[in-house]
Amino acid sequence: MIGRTGNRLVRRVLQTPLSDTQCGFKAFKGDAARRLFTLARIDGFGFDFEILFLAQKLGYRVRELPVTWHDDGDSRLNPLTAPLQALGELFQVRLNEARGLYDETPPADGAPSGDAPD
């Protein structure tokens, strides 16, 4: 999404209090990363807000920390198509949630979610 309008739309659709869902800086503990990325379905611009949505849904603590950002003037994003793709992926997150695609199911072998069997 581009700018403040896109950010407000993401916050409203995903019902998140986070002020910036598109920043590329994200850090995870190993177990949390495995759990979140196993459930993730979006492979595009929407990855950012999907991961944050999942983290909140699963009860992970999400903190926003300030970073110094230097804009890359050589960005290759198309300002016409990138926002449309992100908008579609934003609504795909809600559709995935409604379809239960983010619901965790325990492994058949009884191992805790995210752990490989011995």
C-alpha atoms as a PDB file:
ATOM      1  CA  MET A   1       0.000   0.000   0.000  1.00  0.00           C
ATOM      2  CA  ILE A   2       1.201   3.486  -0.565  1.00  0.00           C
ATOM      3  CA  GLY A   3       1.240   6.141   2.110  1.00  0.00           C
ATOM      4  CA  ARG A   4      -1.000   6.946   5.006  1.00  0.00           C
ATOM      5  CA  THR A   5      -4.247   5.989   3.290  1.00  0.00           C
ATOM      6  CA  GLY A   6      -3.021   2.457   2.660  1.00  0.00           C
ATOM      7  CA  ASN A   7      -1.738   2.177   6.205  1.00  0.00           C
ATOM      8  CA  ARG A   8      -5.103   3.262   7.625  1.00  0.00           C
ATOM      9  CA  LEU A   9      -6.870   0.740   5.404  1.00  0.00           C
ATOM     10  CA  VAL A  10      -4.621  -2.099   6.571  1.00  0.00           C
ATOM     11  CA  ARG A  11      -5.173  -1.153  10.218  1.00  0.00           C
ATOM     12  CA  ARG A  12      -8.946  -1.005   9.750  1.00  0.00           C
ATOM     13  CA  VAL A  13      -9.334  -4.237   7.742  1.00  0.00           C
ATOM     14  CA  LEU A  14      -7.030  -6.265  10.004  1.00  0.00           C
ATOM     15  CA  GLN A  15      -8.159  -4.512  13.186  1.00  0.00           C
ATOM     16  CA  THR A  16      -4.632  -3.856  14.376  1.00  0.00           C
ATOM     17  CA  PRO A  17      -3.368  -0.990  16.512  1.00  0.00           C
ATOM     18  CA  LEU A  18       0.057  -1.109  14.831  1.00  0.00           C
ATOM     19  CA  SER A  19       1.012   2.168  13.217  1.00  0.00           C
ATOM     20  CA  ASP A  20       3.273   0.740  10.481  1.00  0.00           C
ATOM     21  CA  THR A  21       2.603  -2.686   9.048  1.00  0.00           C
ATOM     22  CA  GLN A  22       4.635  -2.336   5.863  1.00  0.00           C
ATOM     23  CA  CYS A  23       8.093  -1.652   7.231  1.00  0.00           C
ATOM     24  CA  GLY A  24      10.465  -4.394   6.158  1.00  0.00           C
ATOM     25  CA  PHE A  25      12.158  -4.687   9.553  1.00  0.00           C
ATOM     26  CA  LYS A  26      10.777  -7.607  11.512  1.00  0.00           C
ATOM     27  CA  ALA A  27      12.465  -9.856  14.048  1.00  0.00           C
ATOM     28  CA  PHE A  28      11.204 -13.127  15.463  1.00  0.00           C
ATOM     29  CA  LYS A  29      12.264 -15.742  17.966  1.00  0.00           C
ATOM     30  CA  GLY A  30      12.919 -19.068  16.242  1.00  0.00           C
ATOM     31  CA  ASP A  31       9.851 -20.958  17.473  1.00  0.00           C
ATOM     32  CA  ALA A  32       7.558 -18.027  16.719  1.00  0.00           C
ATOM     33  CA  ALA A  33       9.005 -17.639  13.216  1.00  0.00           C
ATOM     34  CA  ARG A  34       8.513 -21.327  12.430  1.00  0.00           C
ATOM     35  CA  ARG A  35       4.920 -21.244  13.662  1.00  0.00           C
ATOM     36  CA  LEU A  36       4.021 -18.012  11.840  1.00  0.00           C
ATOM     37  CA  PHE A  37       5.683 -18.819   8.534  1.00  0.00           C
ATOM     38  CA  THR A  38       4.175 -22.310   8.509  1.00  0.00           C
ATOM     39  CA  LEU A  39       0.709 -20.738   8.623  1.00  0.00           C
ATOM     40  CA  ALA A  40       1.437 -17.893   6.190  1.00  0.00           C
ATOM     41  CA  ARG A  41      -0.115 -18.104   2.728  1.00  0.00           C
ATOM     42  CA  ILE A  42       0.685 -14.758   1.054  1.00  0.00           C
ATOM     43  CA  ASP A  43       3.801 -14.593  -1.129  1.00  0.00           C
ATOM     44  CA  GLY A  44       3.853 -10.935  -2.092  1.00  0.00           C
ATOM     45  CA  PHE A  45       3.502  -7.450  -0.650  1.00  0.00           C
ATOM     46  CA  GLY A  46       0.884  -8.721   1.794  1.00  0.00           C
ATOM     47  CA  PHE A  47       3.439 -10.884   3.593  1.00  0.00           C
ATOM     48  CA  ASP A  48       4.149  -8.007   5.995  1.00  0.00           C
ATOM     49  CA  PHE A  49       0.642  -7.502   7.246  1.00  0.00           C
ATOM     50  CA  GLU A  50      -0.246 -11.209   7.084  1.00  0.00           C
ATOM     51  CA  ILE A  51       2.601 -12.117   9.448  1.00  0.00           C
ATOM     52  CA  LEU A  52       1.630  -9.328  11.850  1.00  0.00           C
ATOM     53  CA  PHE A  53      -2.019 -10.411  11.694  1.00  0.00           C
ATOM     54  CA  LEU A  54      -1.030 -14.000  12.502  1.00  0.00           C
ATOM     55  CA  ALA A  55       1.274 -12.913  15.327  1.00  0.00           C
ATOM     56  CA  GLN A  56      -1.547 -10.993  16.969  1.00  0.00           C
ATOM     57  CA  LYS A  57      -4.075 -13.789  16.348  1.00  0.00           C
ATOM     58  CA  LEU A  58      -1.773 -16.311  18.028  1.00  0.00           C
ATOM     59  CA  GLY A  59      -1.121 -14.041  20.997  1.00  0.00           C
ATOM     60  CA  TYR A  60       2.477 -13.073  20.310  1.00  0.00           C
ATOM     61  CA  ARG A  61       3.673  -9.770  21.691  1.00  0.00           C
ATOM     62  CA  VAL A  62       4.293  -7.352  18.841  1.00  0.00           C
ATOM     63  CA  ARG A  63       6.301  -4.209  19.495  1.00  0.00           C
ATOM     64  CA  GLU A  64       7.118  -1.358  17.181  1.00  0.00           C
ATOM     65  CA  LEU A  65      10.605   0.051  17.473  1.00  0.00           C
ATOM     66  CA  PRO A  66      11.931   3.110  15.656  1.00  0.00           C
ATOM     67  CA  VAL A  67      14.480   2.654  12.892  1.00  0.00           C
ATOM     68  CA  THR A  68      16.334   5.141  10.740  1.00  0.00           C
ATOM     69  CA  TRP A  69      15.101   4.687   7.193  1.00  0.00           C
ATOM     70  CA  HIS A  70      16.900   5.767   4.050  1.00  0.00           C
ATOM     71  CA  ASP A  71      14.657   5.647   0.991  1.00  0.00           C
ATOM     72  CA  ASP A  72      16.029   3.788  -2.023  1.00  0.00           C
ATOM     73  CA  GLY A  73      15.497   6.024  -5.026  1.00  0.00           C
ATOM     74  CA  ASP A  74      16.086   2.986  -7.257  1.00  0.00           C
ATOM     75  CA  SER A  75      12.898   1.246  -6.084  1.00  0.00           C
ATOM     76  CA  ARG A  76      11.408  -1.040  -8.707  1.00  0.00           C
ATOM     77  CA  LEU A  77       7.842  -1.009  -7.427  1.00  0.00           C
ATOM     78  CA  ASN A  78       5.265   0.044  -9.954  1.00  0.00           C
ATOM     79  CA  PRO A  79       3.182   2.764  -8.246  1.00  0.00           C
ATOM     80  CA  LEU A  80       0.096   1.722 -10.216  1.00  0.00           C
ATOM     81  CA  THR A  81       0.111  -2.051  -9.818  1.00  0.00           C
ATOM     82  CA  ALA A  82       1.822  -2.500  -6.414  1.00  0.00           C
ATOM     83  CA  PRO A  83      -1.019  -0.899  -4.397  1.00  0.00           C
ATOM     84  CA  LEU A  84      -3.603  -2.984  -6.261  1.00  0.00           C
ATOM     85  CA  GLN A  85      -1.689  -6.181  -5.556  1.00  0.00           C
ATOM     86  CA  ALA A  86      -1.339  -5.248  -1.878  1.00  0.00           C
ATOM     87  CA  LEU A  87      -5.055  -4.426  -1.665  1.00  0.00           C
ATOM     88  CA  GLY A  88      -5.961  -7.829  -3.079  1.00  0.00           C
ATOM     89  CA  GLU A  89      -3.622  -9.540  -0.636  1.00  0.00           C
ATOM     90  CA  LEU A  90      -5.052  -7.546   2.270  1.00  0.00           C
ATOM     91  CA  PHE A  91      -8.507  -8.907   1.568  1.00  0.00           C
ATOM     92  CA  GLN A  92      -7.019 -12.359   0.923  1.00  0.00           C
ATOM     93  CA  VAL A  93      -5.792 -12.389   4.545  1.00  0.00           C
ATOM     94  CA  ARG A  94      -9.364 -11.789   5.761  1.00  0.00           C
ATOM     95  CA  LEU A  95     -10.708 -14.425   3.361  1.00  0.00           C
ATOM     96  CA  ASN A  96      -8.072 -16.926   4.533  1.00  0.00           C
ATOM     97  CA  GLU A  97      -9.091 -16.224   8.131  1.00  0.00           C
ATOM     98  CA  ALA A  98     -12.791 -16.696   7.320  1.00  0.00           C
ATOM     99  CA  ARG A  99     -12.027 -20.013   5.577  1.00  0.00           C
ATOM    100  CA  GLY A 100     -10.060 -21.256   8.597  1.00  0.00           C
ATOM    101  CA  LEU A 101      -6.755 -21.451   6.714  1.00  0.00           C
ATOM    102  CA  TYR A 102      -4.929 -19.926   9.672  1.00  0.00           C
ATOM    103  CA  ASP A 103      -6.305 -22.401  12.193  1.00  0.00           C
ATOM    104  CA  GLU A 104      -3.657 -24.684  13.565  1.00  0.00           C
ATOM    105  CA  THR A 105      -4.280 -28.394  13.584  1.00  0.00           C
ATOM    106  CA  PRO A 106      -2.142 -30.634  15.771  1.00  0.00           C
ATOM    107  CA  PRO A 107       0.139 -33.042  13.895  1.00  0.00           C
ATOM    108  CA  ALA A 108      -1.200 -36.585  13.588  1.00  0.00           C
ATOM    109  CA  ASP A 109       1.777 -37.967  15.532  1.00  0.00           C
ATOM    110  CA  GLY A 110       0.937 -35.831  18.579  1.00  0.00           C
ATOM    111  CA  ALA A 111       4.145 -33.751  18.380  1.00  0.00           C
ATOM    112  CA  PRO A 112       3.747 -30.101  19.396  1.00  0.00           C
ATOM    113  CA  SER A 113       3.044 -27.793  16.475  1.00  0.00           C
ATOM    114  CA  GLY A 114       6.259 -26.765  14.725  1.00  0.00           C
ATOM    115  CA  ASP A 115       8.363 -29.584  16.187  1.00  0.00           C
ATOM    116  CA  ALA A 116       9.732 -32.320  13.990  1.00  0.00           C
ATOM    117  CA  PRO A 117       9.125 -35.866  15.174  1.00  0.00           C
ATOM    118  CA  ASP A 118      12.164 -37.813  16.455  1.00  0.00           C
END
